[in-house]
Every structure is written in C-alpha cells, then in structure tokens.
C-alpha cells in the first residue's frame, strides 16, 4: 500500500471516542512503566503480549486488557491492529516494538495511531541517517571510519538496529576487525549483510551517561527527564577480573545490555546536556519533520576534558527510562512529583485531548 501518510492515521483517530482512549504497547522493553504511567493519568491500558511472557504485567497489574500473540512481530498483523483500533488505542513505540514489528511494516502497514513521529524511527536505526542528525548542528561525536582498512586506533564497531549492544566490539587494526567479525559470525550475532553495514567509529574513553529527554510538541520545550548508565555483559564481568587474569583468559567481550542504573551528572555538565538536546531537536525538525516529538535519549561519553560526546541516539523511549519508574532527581525538579517517562507521555496525550490537539502528538 506504500508509506502510510499522516492523513491516513488522522482519519482513523477522528473515529475514536476521545473519552475512551486506551494507551497500548508491546509487552517488553519499557512497557511496565509506560502502562503504569498511563494508568496514573487515568487511561485504560492494553498490552500486546507474547504467550508465556505475560507474568510481569499480571503480577504488577499495569494492564487492563491483554492481547495475546504467538510472536512479538504479530503486533503488526491486521487482526491485532483491528483489536487495537476497536479499543481506541494509541500505541507507544519502544525498542522492542521497532525491532520486532520491523520498520518497513511500521511505515507501510501499521495503521494504528502512534505517539510521536514514526518517520524518525528509521533515522535512529540507520547509522548514516543518525549521524546526519548529529552533524546538522555540529554536535561533538566520535570520528567515523568509512572502511575497516582505515582503522589506525581503537575503534568501536556497531551494527544497525536496536540490538541492545549485541555484536558490538572493539578493534585496533584491520586484522583484529576481520578476526572479530569471524568470531561474531560463528556466534550468529552478525551475518554478511550486517558486515557490509558495520559502523566503525573512534573509541572514546570516558564515563557513560545516557541522557533521557522529552520534547513537548505542545509546549515547544525540551525537558530533561533522567540519566542512567548500563550494565553490559560480558564486558562488565571481564573488567572485574585482575589485569593479569584478563590477559590470560580467552574471552571476547560483548556489550549486551542486561540492566540499567540511575546516575546524576555533575551539575556543571548540565548546560552541555541541554544544549545538545536542543540542537538535536532543532536538527530533527529540519531533517525529518515534525521531529523528535516525545521521548528521546542521547547515549554519551564524558572524557577527562569534560566534553559530552554523543555516540548514539534513541528516537523513542529508551530502556534506561526504567530506572525512574517513579521519577528521577531531574523530573522531580521539573514537576515536584513522581514523573516517569511513561507518565509524561500519557500526560502529553491527556493535555492534547483536552486542547483538541492530538494531531500534534500522533502519527
């Protein structure tokens, strides 16, 4: 049918009963606090859940309705879409939804109103597009290498899509790159297509801060919602070993994210964080209108020169939002109450309904 147009979504949205809106999402990633936040703002909630994976949602009581599916990707099936539309659903995208439903199906087939800008999701998934967003307003980012033969220092090698760090690796020479690629293939973490799309960038030594923002299209304001850092396997296990043991063991570290923990930045770094967040929003408005509506995350490293260097962005709810299910130090400063990202999304939808401006926050 071709790429879905916003007008197609608005025609569906216009048929909804605005007094009976349901906030829905796929049962994974950041859905617990999204659904809980929606309930806090008075919405009915629905979770589309893979069979056998529904225990957390039932135990925590965050969903009013359950749509059970055989596989995560089935959320994009026509019958599931009809069930969601019959509930007057607005779907909140997150990393698992994007990964399992698939960008092509989201862009061409998923005719359920979604919060935010569905067009921006491809810009975070494709490294060349993601880099355009960062380069547009001269945001500090790592040096990019166009070919493995150019590697002349420590680099980080990444692959497309929302993988949670799986398959990423560090290399210092073309030979090491080739050796590690073969190891990744043997684990079925990458294939030949992935290798051709490998993103190679300067390895920046610094502290990791994942900075979570919310851009309000209603208020035209960028809000700092929280900051986290990640637990990554197996690299975090390896670095706990004494240096001599690290040299002797035959382990290839991976960077698979297994959890998150909340952090705060030193206060003198916050002006840089806000400046970069504002620049990113401005770039997105120009390059992929209407831009970064709703949640987004800048994954950064801070070096010993106190530079905030952006190495990746998430253009939707990021997993680190789970570290402030009842709000962070920063969201408390803004709101004076527990404000998770899920609740902030629900409040934006609630205000948009009250103002008759749902078209500003839905695609």
Protein backbone atom coordinates (compact mmCIF):
# COMPACT_ATOMS: atom_id res chain seq x y z
CA UNK A 1 0.00 0.00 0.00
CA UNK A 2 3.01 2.30 0.22
CA UNK A 3 4.16 4.51 3.04
CA UNK A 4 1.44 5.47 5.49
CA UNK A 5 0.55 9.16 5.39
CA UNK A 6 -0.32 11.14 8.49
CA UNK A 7 -3.74 11.88 6.99
CA UNK A 8 -4.45 8.12 6.95
CA UNK A 9 -3.81 8.00 10.71
CA UNK A 10 -5.81 11.14 11.44
CA UNK A 11 -8.84 9.68 9.65
CA UNK A 12 -8.68 6.69 11.98
CA UNK A 13 -8.06 8.89 15.02
CA UNK A 14 -11.10 11.06 14.15
CA UNK A 15 -13.32 7.98 14.54
CA UNK A 16 -12.06 7.32 18.06
CA UNK A 17 -14.06 8.04 21.19
CA UNK A 18 -11.68 10.55 22.80
CA UNK A 19 -13.22 9.87 26.22
CA UNK A 20 -12.26 6.18 25.98
CA UNK A 21 -8.67 6.29 24.75
CA UNK A 22 -6.50 3.25 25.52
CA UNK A 23 -2.73 3.51 25.87
CA UNK A 24 -1.23 0.34 24.40
CA UNK A 25 2.22 -1.08 23.78
CA UNK A 26 4.10 -4.30 23.18
CA UNK A 27 4.87 -6.22 26.38
CA UNK A 28 8.65 -5.75 26.53
CA UNK A 29 11.42 -3.15 26.94
CA UNK A 30 9.83 -0.18 28.80
CA UNK A 31 6.20 -1.24 28.82
CA UNK A 32 5.81 -1.66 32.59
CA UNK A 33 6.33 2.00 33.41
CA UNK A 34 4.55 3.18 30.25
CA UNK A 35 1.41 1.29 31.19
CA UNK A 36 1.68 2.25 34.85
CA UNK A 37 2.18 5.91 33.92
CA UNK A 38 -0.87 5.79 31.65
CA UNK A 39 -2.98 4.40 34.50
CA UNK A 40 -1.71 7.17 36.79
CA UNK A 41 -3.07 9.68 34.25
CA UNK A 42 -6.44 7.92 34.14
CA UNK A 43 -6.20 5.98 30.88
CA UNK A 44 -7.33 2.46 30.09
CA UNK A 45 -4.28 0.33 29.23
CA UNK A 46 -3.62 -2.63 26.96
CA UNK A 47 -0.56 -4.81 26.48
CA UNK A 48 0.10 -6.88 23.38
CA UNK A 49 1.96 -9.80 24.87
CA UNK A 50 3.71 -12.91 23.60
CA UNK A 51 2.20 -16.05 25.09
CA UNK A 52 4.12 -17.09 28.18
CA UNK A 53 5.58 -13.60 28.73
CA UNK A 54 2.59 -12.03 30.48
CA UNK A 55 3.57 -12.77 34.11
CA UNK A 56 5.18 -9.38 34.95
CA UNK A 57 2.19 -7.42 33.61
CA UNK A 58 -0.31 -9.50 35.52
CA UNK A 59 1.74 -9.54 38.74
CA UNK A 60 2.23 -5.76 38.68
CA UNK A 61 -1.32 -5.11 37.49
CA UNK A 62 -0.39 -2.49 34.91
CA UNK A 63 -2.70 -3.61 32.07
CA UNK A 64 -6.47 -3.56 31.86
CA UNK A 65 -6.58 -5.51 28.59
CA UNK A 66 -4.38 -8.32 27.25
CA UNK A 67 -3.96 -9.16 23.57
CA UNK A 68 -2.01 -12.41 23.40
CA UNK A 69 0.11 -13.22 20.34
CA UNK A 70 2.33 -16.13 19.31
CA UNK A 71 5.32 -13.97 18.39
CA UNK A 72 6.23 -10.34 19.08
CA UNK A 73 6.16 -9.50 15.37
CA UNK A 74 2.45 -10.41 15.27
CA UNK A 75 1.60 -6.99 16.73
CA UNK A 76 1.64 -5.70 13.15
CA UNK A 77 -0.85 -8.32 11.89
CA UNK A 78 -4.15 -6.93 10.60
CA UNK A 79 -6.31 -8.72 13.18
CA UNK A 80 -4.24 -7.34 16.06
CA UNK A 81 -4.38 -3.86 14.56
CA UNK A 82 -8.19 -4.12 14.38
CA UNK A 83 -8.37 -5.11 18.04
CA UNK A 84 -6.22 -2.11 18.97
CA UNK A 85 -8.29 0.30 16.90
CA UNK A 86 -11.52 -1.07 18.40
CA UNK A 87 -10.09 -0.12 21.82
CA UNK A 88 -9.38 3.46 20.61
CA UNK A 89 -5.69 2.67 21.12
CA UNK A 90 -2.72 4.95 20.86
CA UNK A 91 0.41 2.80 20.66
CA UNK A 92 3.63 3.87 22.37
CA UNK A 93 6.70 2.69 20.41
CA UNK A 94 9.83 1.41 22.12
CA UNK A 95 12.93 -0.52 21.10
CA UNK A 96 11.35 -3.98 21.10
CA UNK A 97 8.32 -2.78 19.14
CA UNK A 98 10.60 -1.30 16.47
CA UNK A 99 12.84 -4.38 16.37
CA UNK A 100 10.09 -6.98 16.19
CA UNK A 101 7.36 -5.23 14.19
CA UNK A 102 10.01 -4.04 11.73
CA UNK A 103 10.50 -0.57 10.30
CA UNK A 104 9.03 -1.44 6.90
CA UNK A 105 5.81 -2.72 8.45
CA UNK A 106 5.57 0.26 10.83
CA UNK A 107 6.00 2.67 7.90
CA UNK A 108 3.84 0.81 5.37
CA UNK A 109 1.29 -1.35 7.20
CA UNK A 110 0.77 -0.36 10.85
CA UNK A 111 -2.39 1.74 10.67
CA UNK A 112 -2.83 2.26 14.40
CA UNK A 113 -2.24 5.78 15.76
CA UNK A 114 1.18 6.00 17.42
CA UNK A 115 2.56 8.57 19.82
CA UNK A 116 5.42 10.64 18.41
CA UNK A 117 6.86 10.70 14.90
CA UNK A 118 7.01 7.27 13.23
CA UNK A 119 9.22 8.68 10.44
CA UNK A 120 12.08 9.36 12.89
CA UNK A 121 12.41 5.69 13.85
CA UNK A 122 14.35 4.87 10.67
CA UNK A 123 16.74 7.76 11.39
CA UNK A 124 17.89 6.14 14.62
CA UNK A 125 18.13 2.66 13.09
CA UNK A 126 20.29 3.60 10.10
CA UNK A 127 23.69 4.87 11.21
CA UNK A 128 24.20 7.24 8.27
CA UNK A 129 20.87 8.95 8.92
CA UNK A 130 21.50 9.04 12.67
CA UNK A 131 24.85 10.74 12.03
CA UNK A 132 23.15 13.37 9.87
CA UNK A 133 21.02 14.39 12.85
CA UNK A 134 24.16 14.86 14.92
CA UNK A 135 26.25 16.56 12.25
CA UNK A 136 23.46 19.00 11.31
CA UNK A 137 24.08 21.26 14.32
CA UNK A 138 27.76 20.48 14.90
CA UNK A 139 27.28 18.13 17.86
CA UNK A 140 30.53 16.58 19.16
CA UNK A 141 30.66 12.93 18.14
CA UNK A 142 33.32 10.26 17.54
CA UNK A 143 35.38 10.19 14.32
CA UNK A 144 33.82 7.87 11.72
CA UNK A 145 35.80 5.39 9.57
CA UNK A 146 34.43 4.52 6.14
CA UNK A 147 36.27 1.23 5.73
CA UNK A 148 37.96 -1.32 8.04
CA UNK A 149 41.24 -0.77 6.17
CA UNK A 150 41.35 2.77 7.61
CA UNK A 151 41.46 1.62 11.24
CA UNK A 152 44.52 3.22 12.87
CA UNK A 153 43.49 3.34 16.55
CA UNK A 154 40.98 1.78 18.90
CA UNK A 155 37.52 1.81 17.33
CA UNK A 156 34.05 0.65 18.31
CA UNK A 157 32.23 -1.44 15.70
CA UNK A 158 28.41 -1.37 15.72
CA UNK A 159 25.64 -2.75 13.56
CA UNK A 160 22.22 -1.43 12.50
CA UNK A 161 19.04 -1.56 14.52
CA UNK A 162 18.00 -1.90 18.15
CA UNK A 163 20.24 -4.77 19.32
CA UNK A 164 20.91 -3.81 22.92
CA UNK A 165 24.67 -3.88 22.28
CA UNK A 166 24.77 -7.44 20.89
CA UNK A 167 27.61 -7.96 18.44
CA UNK A 168 29.40 -4.67 19.19
CA UNK A 169 33.15 -4.96 19.60
CA UNK A 170 36.40 -3.00 19.91
CA UNK A 171 39.25 -3.38 17.40
CA UNK A 172 42.57 -1.60 16.89
CA UNK A 173 43.60 -2.76 13.40
CA UNK A 174 42.09 -4.13 10.17
CA UNK A 175 43.39 -7.58 11.12
CA UNK A 176 41.70 -7.52 14.52
CA UNK A 177 38.50 -6.32 12.86
CA UNK A 178 38.49 -9.32 10.48
CA UNK A 179 39.26 -11.77 13.30
CA UNK A 180 36.44 -10.49 15.49
CA UNK A 181 33.97 -10.41 12.61
CA UNK A 182 34.60 -14.11 12.07
CA UNK A 183 34.01 -14.72 15.77
CA UNK A 184 30.72 -12.78 15.61
CA UNK A 185 29.60 -14.83 12.60
CA UNK A 186 30.38 -18.06 14.43
CA UNK A 187 28.04 -16.93 17.25
CA UNK A 188 25.34 -15.96 14.71
CA UNK A 189 25.44 -12.42 16.06
CA UNK A 190 26.09 -10.94 12.62
CA UNK A 191 25.75 -12.07 9.01
CA UNK A 192 27.26 -10.89 5.71
CA UNK A 193 24.63 -8.20 5.27
CA UNK A 194 25.42 -6.81 8.73
CA UNK A 195 29.16 -6.75 7.97
CA UNK A 196 28.54 -4.58 4.94
CA UNK A 197 26.66 -2.10 7.14
CA UNK A 198 29.15 -2.07 10.03
CA UNK A 199 29.52 1.36 11.61
CA UNK A 200 33.11 1.99 12.68
CA UNK A 201 33.89 4.93 14.94
CA UNK A 202 36.62 6.21 17.22
CA UNK A 203 36.62 4.53 20.64
CA UNK A 204 36.18 7.32 23.16
CA UNK A 205 37.48 6.64 26.65
CA UNK A 206 35.10 8.16 29.16
CA UNK A 207 32.18 7.69 31.56
CA UNK A 208 28.88 6.56 30.08
CA UNK A 209 25.78 8.72 30.58
CA UNK A 210 22.51 8.01 28.81
CA UNK A 211 20.54 11.23 28.97
CA UNK A 212 16.76 10.99 28.61
CA UNK A 213 14.76 13.90 27.26
CA UNK A 214 11.16 14.58 26.42
CA UNK A 215 10.34 17.09 23.70
CA UNK A 216 6.85 18.53 24.12
CA UNK A 217 5.34 19.49 20.79
CA UNK A 218 2.55 21.19 22.73
CA UNK A 219 4.91 23.44 24.72
CA UNK A 220 7.87 23.50 22.30
CA UNK A 221 10.19 22.64 25.19
CA UNK A 222 12.94 20.08 25.77
CA UNK A 223 12.71 18.51 29.24
CA UNK A 224 15.50 16.57 30.96
CA UNK A 225 13.76 13.54 32.46
CA UNK A 226 16.57 11.36 33.82
CA UNK A 227 20.04 9.88 33.32
CA UNK A 228 21.22 6.29 33.54
CA UNK A 229 24.23 4.09 32.87
CA UNK A 230 24.26 0.45 31.77
CA UNK A 231 25.31 -2.97 32.95
CA UNK A 232 26.78 -4.78 29.96
CA UNK A 233 27.70 -8.43 29.57
CA UNK A 234 30.28 -9.75 29.27
CA UNK A 235 32.49 -6.66 29.37
CA UNK A 236 31.46 -5.74 32.93
CA UNK A 237 32.33 -9.25 34.11
CA UNK A 238 35.72 -9.16 32.39
CA UNK A 239 36.78 -5.79 33.81
CA UNK A 240 36.14 -7.10 37.34
CA UNK A 241 39.00 -9.54 36.86
CA UNK A 242 42.57 -8.60 37.80
CA UNK A 243 44.52 -7.37 34.75
CA UNK A 244 46.72 -10.48 34.63
CA UNK A 245 43.69 -12.74 34.51
CA UNK A 246 42.15 -10.64 31.74
CA UNK A 247 45.27 -11.24 29.64
CA UNK A 248 45.28 -14.97 30.26
CA UNK A 249 41.63 -15.86 29.71
CA UNK A 250 40.39 -16.44 26.18
CA UNK A 251 37.26 -14.28 26.23
CA UNK A 252 35.93 -11.93 23.56
CA UNK A 253 33.94 -9.24 25.38
CA UNK A 254 30.44 -8.32 24.28
CA UNK A 255 28.38 -5.27 25.14
CA UNK A 256 24.92 -6.79 25.60
CA UNK A 257 22.85 -4.56 27.88
CA UNK A 258 21.46 -6.57 30.80
CA UNK A 259 20.32 -3.76 33.09
CA UNK A 260 20.47 -0.08 33.93
CA UNK A 261 21.17 2.04 36.97
CA UNK A 262 20.27 5.68 37.66
CA UNK A 263 23.01 8.29 37.85
CA UNK A 264 23.34 12.06 38.14
CA UNK A 265 25.80 14.19 36.21
CA UNK A 266 28.00 16.74 37.82
CA UNK A 267 25.95 19.91 37.67
CA UNK A 268 28.46 21.88 35.60
CA UNK A 269 27.90 19.42 32.72
CA UNK A 270 24.15 20.01 32.52
CA UNK A 271 24.41 23.12 30.28
CA UNK A 272 26.16 20.95 27.68
CA UNK A 273 23.46 18.30 28.00
CA UNK A 274 20.64 20.79 27.47
CA UNK A 275 22.49 22.47 24.61
CA UNK A 276 22.97 19.16 22.77
CA UNK A 277 19.35 18.13 23.41
CA UNK A 278 18.10 21.45 22.00
CA UNK A 279 20.37 21.12 18.96
CA UNK A 280 19.18 17.59 18.28
CA UNK A 281 15.54 18.68 18.41
CA UNK A 282 16.27 21.58 16.03
CA UNK A 283 18.07 19.25 13.60
CA UNK A 284 15.21 16.73 13.65
CA UNK A 285 12.64 19.44 12.88
CA UNK A 286 14.63 20.35 9.75
CA UNK A 287 15.51 16.86 8.55
CA UNK A 288 12.53 14.70 9.50
CA UNK A 289 9.58 16.91 10.41
CA UNK A 290 7.85 17.17 12.82
CA UNK A 291 10.97 15.95 14.62
CA UNK A 292 11.70 14.25 17.93
CA UNK A 293 8.21 14.52 19.39
CA UNK A 294 8.14 12.80 22.78
CA UNK A 295 10.94 10.76 24.40
CA UNK A 296 14.46 10.50 23.08
CA UNK A 297 17.82 9.56 24.53
CA UNK A 298 21.40 10.66 23.89
CA UNK A 299 23.94 7.97 24.70
CA UNK A 300 27.09 9.86 25.63
CA UNK A 301 30.60 9.56 26.98
CA UNK A 302 32.22 12.26 29.09
CA UNK A 303 36.00 12.42 28.76
CA UNK A 304 38.54 13.91 31.15
CA UNK A 305 38.28 17.24 29.33
CA UNK A 306 34.65 17.26 30.48
CA UNK A 307 33.33 17.07 26.94
CA UNK A 308 29.93 15.43 26.47
CA UNK A 309 30.37 13.31 23.33
CA UNK A 310 27.29 11.73 21.72
CA UNK A 311 27.86 8.30 20.20
CA UNK A 312 24.26 7.15 19.68
CA UNK A 313 20.68 8.32 19.95
CA UNK A 314 17.34 6.63 20.58
CA UNK A 315 14.45 8.43 18.93
CA UNK A 316 11.79 6.82 21.16
CA UNK A 317 11.55 5.51 24.71
CA UNK A 318 14.92 4.05 25.72
CA UNK A 319 15.44 1.15 28.14
CA UNK A 320 17.14 3.40 30.69
CA UNK A 321 13.77 5.04 31.39
CA UNK A 322 13.08 2.02 33.58
CA UNK A 323 15.47 3.47 36.17
CA UNK A 324 12.97 6.17 37.08
CA UNK A 325 9.58 4.44 37.14
CA UNK A 326 8.55 6.84 39.90
CA UNK A 327 10.56 9.78 38.62
CA UNK A 328 14.21 10.87 38.73
CA UNK A 329 16.03 13.66 40.52
CA UNK A 330 15.61 15.73 37.36
CA UNK A 331 11.93 15.04 36.68
CA UNK A 332 11.27 15.85 40.36
CA UNK A 333 12.94 19.24 39.91
CA UNK A 334 10.64 19.89 36.94
CA UNK A 335 7.37 18.50 38.28
CA UNK A 336 7.65 18.17 42.05
CA UNK A 337 6.07 14.72 41.86
CA UNK A 338 6.90 11.24 40.60
CA UNK A 339 7.09 11.59 36.81
CA UNK A 340 8.24 8.56 34.83
CA UNK A 341 8.68 8.83 31.08
CA UNK A 342 5.57 6.71 30.68
CA UNK A 343 3.53 9.09 32.79
CA UNK A 344 4.97 12.10 30.93
CA UNK A 345 3.89 10.58 27.60
CA UNK A 346 0.40 9.90 28.97
CA UNK A 347 0.13 13.44 30.32
CA UNK A 348 1.07 14.89 26.91
CA UNK A 349 -1.66 12.80 25.30
CA UNK A 350 -4.14 13.83 28.01
CA UNK A 351 -3.40 17.54 27.52
CA UNK A 352 -3.56 17.14 23.73
CA UNK A 353 -7.04 15.59 24.06
CA UNK A 354 -8.19 18.42 26.34
CA UNK A 355 -6.88 21.03 23.90
CA UNK A 356 -8.14 19.25 20.79
CA UNK A 357 -4.53 18.98 19.53
CA UNK A 358 -3.98 15.23 19.27
CA UNK A 359 -2.81 15.74 15.69
CA UNK A 360 0.34 17.43 17.07
CA UNK A 361 1.48 14.36 19.02
CA UNK A 362 0.20 11.41 16.93
CA UNK A 363 1.36 9.83 13.66
